[in-house]
Structures are given as structure tokens and as C-alpha cells.
Amino acid sequence: TIESINQLKTQRDFMLSFSNNPQEFIQDWLKSQSRDLKLMTDTVGNPEAERRTEFYHSPWVKEAVGRYVFSK
């Protein structure tokens, strides 16, 4: 069907964009995901703090990762 063709084209474009420039693709994708998350949760984060590695070495990260892994 046309819908499945459009879905396959979207998937192909996604993968092609990644294969052409993986680093830029990941950066753009993470920015997009961050914007979407902030819109969905309606919370204000600190982009400068989130950009630094120290932010992800906070005590809450270990528990959050554990919960994420066990939920999959």
C-alpha cells in the first residue's frame, strides 16, 4: 500500500542520513529528542548542565539507568 511505501521511504531516509554523517545525525537527533521531551513533560531543564558529563555522573543516574534497563 501507499502507506507502507511511505513508511519504508521514511525509514530509508533516516538510515541514509545516519550513514552519510553519523556524528551530525546523532547530535541533531538528540537535540530533537530533548526538545520533544521538554514539550511533553513541560519541564525546564538546564541545557548547559545537561551538555556536560558531570551531569550524568550524579547519584540519580545509576538508579535511572537500572530502572530503564529492567523496564525493557
N, C-alpha and C. Protein backbone atom coordinates (compact mmCIF):
# COMPACT_ATOMS: atom_id res chain seq x y z
N THR A 1 0.83 -1.19 0.00
CA THR A 1 0.00 0.00 0.00
C THR A 1 0.88 1.25 0.00
N ILE A 2 0.26 2.36 -0.27
CA ILE A 2 1.00 3.63 -0.31
C ILE A 2 1.53 3.98 1.07
N GLU A 3 0.75 3.68 2.10
CA GLU A 3 1.19 3.98 3.46
C GLU A 3 2.46 3.21 3.82
N SER A 4 2.53 1.94 3.46
CA SER A 4 3.72 1.15 3.77
C SER A 4 4.92 1.63 2.95
N ILE A 5 4.68 2.06 1.72
CA ILE A 5 5.77 2.60 0.89
C ILE A 5 6.31 3.88 1.52
N ASN A 6 5.41 4.74 1.99
CA ASN A 6 5.85 5.98 2.64
C ASN A 6 6.62 5.69 3.92
N GLN A 7 6.19 4.70 4.67
CA GLN A 7 6.89 4.32 5.90
C GLN A 7 8.29 3.79 5.57
N LEU A 8 8.40 2.96 4.55
CA LEU A 8 9.70 2.43 4.15
C LEU A 8 10.63 3.55 3.66
N LYS A 9 10.07 4.52 2.94
CA LYS A 9 10.87 5.65 2.47
C LYS A 9 11.38 6.46 3.66
N THR A 10 10.53 6.68 4.66
CA THR A 10 10.93 7.41 5.85
C THR A 10 12.06 6.68 6.57
N GLN A 11 11.93 5.37 6.70
CA GLN A 11 12.98 4.57 7.34
C GLN A 11 14.28 4.63 6.55
N ARG A 12 14.17 4.56 5.23
CA ARG A 12 15.36 4.62 4.38
C ARG A 12 16.05 5.97 4.52
N ASP A 13 15.28 7.04 4.49
CA ASP A 13 15.85 8.38 4.64
C ASP A 13 16.54 8.54 5.99
N PHE A 14 15.94 7.98 7.03
CA PHE A 14 16.51 8.02 8.37
C PHE A 14 17.88 7.34 8.39
N MET A 15 17.94 6.13 7.86
CA MET A 15 19.19 5.36 7.84
C MET A 15 20.23 5.98 6.90
N LEU A 16 19.78 6.49 5.78
CA LEU A 16 20.69 7.12 4.84
C LEU A 16 21.33 8.37 5.45
N SER A 17 20.54 9.15 6.15
CA SER A 17 21.06 10.34 6.82
C SER A 17 22.11 9.94 7.85
N PHE A 18 21.84 8.86 8.59
CA PHE A 18 22.82 8.37 9.57
C PHE A 18 24.10 7.91 8.88
N SER A 19 23.98 7.19 7.79
CA SER A 19 25.17 6.65 7.13
C SER A 19 26.00 7.75 6.47
N ASN A 20 25.36 8.83 6.05
CA ASN A 20 26.11 9.92 5.42
C ASN A 20 26.96 10.71 6.40
N ASN A 21 26.45 10.95 7.61
CA ASN A 21 27.20 11.71 8.61
C ASN A 21 26.70 11.30 10.00
N PRO A 22 27.24 10.22 10.55
CA PRO A 22 26.74 9.69 11.82
C PRO A 22 26.82 10.68 12.98
N GLN A 23 27.92 11.41 13.07
CA GLN A 23 28.08 12.33 14.20
C GLN A 23 27.03 13.45 14.17
N GLU A 24 26.87 14.08 13.03
CA GLU A 24 25.88 15.15 12.91
C GLU A 24 24.47 14.61 13.10
N PHE A 25 24.22 13.42 12.57
CA PHE A 25 22.91 12.80 12.70
C PHE A 25 22.55 12.59 14.17
N ILE A 26 23.48 12.02 14.94
CA ILE A 26 23.23 11.75 16.36
C ILE A 26 23.02 13.06 17.11
N GLN A 27 23.83 14.07 16.83
CA GLN A 27 23.67 15.36 17.51
C GLN A 27 22.30 15.96 17.22
N ASP A 28 21.91 15.96 15.96
CA ASP A 28 20.60 16.50 15.58
C ASP A 28 19.46 15.70 16.20
N TRP A 29 19.62 14.38 16.21
CA TRP A 29 18.58 13.51 16.76
C TRP A 29 18.42 13.75 18.26
N LEU A 30 19.55 13.88 18.98
CA LEU A 30 19.49 14.12 20.42
C LEU A 30 18.85 15.48 20.72
N LYS A 31 19.18 16.48 19.92
CA LYS A 31 18.56 17.80 20.11
C LYS A 31 17.05 17.70 19.91
N SER A 32 16.65 16.98 18.89
CA SER A 32 15.22 16.81 18.60
C SER A 32 14.52 16.07 19.74
N GLN A 33 15.14 15.01 20.23
CA GLN A 33 14.55 14.23 21.32
C GLN A 33 14.44 15.08 22.59
N SER A 34 15.45 15.89 22.84
CA SER A 34 15.44 16.77 24.01
C SER A 34 14.31 17.78 23.92
N ARG A 35 14.14 18.38 22.74
CA ARG A 35 13.04 19.34 22.54
C ARG A 35 11.69 18.66 22.74
N ASP A 36 11.54 17.47 22.17
CA ASP A 36 10.28 16.74 22.31
C ASP A 36 9.99 16.40 23.77
N LEU A 37 11.00 15.97 24.49
CA LEU A 37 10.83 15.62 25.90
C LEU A 37 10.40 16.83 26.71
N LYS A 38 11.03 17.96 26.45
CA LYS A 38 10.68 19.17 27.20
C LYS A 38 9.25 19.61 26.88
N LEU A 39 8.82 19.43 25.65
CA LEU A 39 7.45 19.78 25.29
C LEU A 39 6.45 18.83 25.96
N MET A 40 6.79 17.55 26.00
CA MET A 40 5.88 16.56 26.57
C MET A 40 5.78 16.68 28.09
N THR A 41 6.90 16.92 28.74
CA THR A 41 6.89 16.96 30.20
C THR A 41 6.65 18.35 30.75
N ASP A 42 6.77 19.36 29.90
CA ASP A 42 6.57 20.75 30.29
C ASP A 42 7.50 21.14 31.44
N THR A 43 8.71 20.61 31.43
CA THR A 43 9.69 20.97 32.44
C THR A 43 10.81 21.75 31.80
N VAL A 44 11.43 22.57 32.62
CA VAL A 44 12.54 23.37 32.13
C VAL A 44 13.82 22.75 32.66
N GLY A 45 14.72 22.41 31.78
CA GLY A 45 15.99 21.84 32.18
C GLY A 45 17.08 22.88 32.10
N ASN A 46 18.28 22.44 32.29
CA ASN A 46 19.43 23.31 32.18
C ASN A 46 20.31 22.76 31.07
N PRO A 47 20.14 23.25 29.85
CA PRO A 47 20.88 22.69 28.71
C PRO A 47 22.39 22.71 28.90
N GLU A 48 22.90 23.75 29.54
CA GLU A 48 24.35 23.83 29.74
C GLU A 48 24.83 22.72 30.67
N ALA A 49 24.09 22.47 31.74
CA ALA A 49 24.46 21.39 32.67
C ALA A 49 24.30 20.03 32.01
N GLU A 50 23.25 19.86 31.22
CA GLU A 50 22.99 18.58 30.56
C GLU A 50 24.02 18.27 29.49
N ARG A 51 24.71 19.29 29.03
CA ARG A 51 25.72 19.11 27.99
C ARG A 51 27.03 18.56 28.56
N ARG A 52 27.22 18.71 29.84
CA ARG A 52 28.48 18.30 30.48
C ARG A 52 28.38 16.89 31.08
N THR A 53 29.49 16.18 31.04
CA THR A 53 29.49 14.79 31.52
C THR A 53 29.22 14.69 33.02
N GLU A 54 29.61 15.69 33.79
CA GLU A 54 29.41 15.64 35.24
C GLU A 54 27.93 15.46 35.59
N PHE A 55 27.06 16.01 34.77
CA PHE A 55 25.62 15.91 34.99
C PHE A 55 25.19 14.44 35.04
N TYR A 56 25.79 13.62 34.21
CA TYR A 56 25.40 12.22 34.10
C TYR A 56 26.14 11.31 35.07
N HIS A 57 26.99 11.90 35.91
CA HIS A 57 27.64 11.13 36.96
C HIS A 57 26.99 11.41 38.31
N SER A 58 25.83 12.05 38.29
CA SER A 58 25.08 12.33 39.51
C SER A 58 24.53 11.03 40.09
N PRO A 59 24.24 11.02 41.39
CA PRO A 59 23.75 9.79 42.04
C PRO A 59 22.46 9.23 41.43
N TRP A 60 21.59 10.07 40.93
CA TRP A 60 20.30 9.60 40.39
C TRP A 60 20.45 8.81 39.10
N VAL A 61 21.56 8.99 38.39
CA VAL A 61 21.72 8.36 37.08
C VAL A 61 21.78 6.83 37.20
N LYS A 62 22.50 6.35 38.18
CA LYS A 62 22.64 4.89 38.35
C LYS A 62 21.27 4.23 38.53
N GLU A 63 20.44 4.83 39.38
CA GLU A 63 19.10 4.28 39.60
C GLU A 63 18.24 4.39 38.34
N ALA A 64 18.33 5.53 37.66
CA ALA A 64 17.53 5.74 36.45
C ALA A 64 17.89 4.73 35.37
N VAL A 65 19.18 4.48 35.20
CA VAL A 65 19.62 3.51 34.19
C VAL A 65 19.14 2.11 34.56
N GLY A 66 19.25 1.77 35.84
CA GLY A 66 18.77 0.46 36.29
C GLY A 66 17.29 0.28 36.02
N ARG A 67 16.51 1.30 36.32
CA ARG A 67 15.07 1.22 36.06
C ARG A 67 14.78 1.09 34.57
N TYR A 68 15.53 1.84 33.78
CA TYR A 68 15.33 1.78 32.33
C TYR A 68 15.64 0.38 31.80
N VAL A 69 16.77 -0.18 32.21
CA VAL A 69 17.19 -1.49 31.73
C VAL A 69 16.17 -2.56 32.14
N PHE A 70 15.71 -2.52 33.37
CA PHE A 70 14.77 -3.54 33.84
C PHE A 70 13.39 -3.38 33.22
N SER A 71 13.09 -2.18 32.71
CA SER A 71 11.77 -1.99 32.08
C SER A 71 11.75 -2.54 30.66
N LYS A 72 12.90 -2.83 30.09
CA LYS A 72 12.97 -3.32 28.70
C LYS A 72 12.86 -4.81 28.63
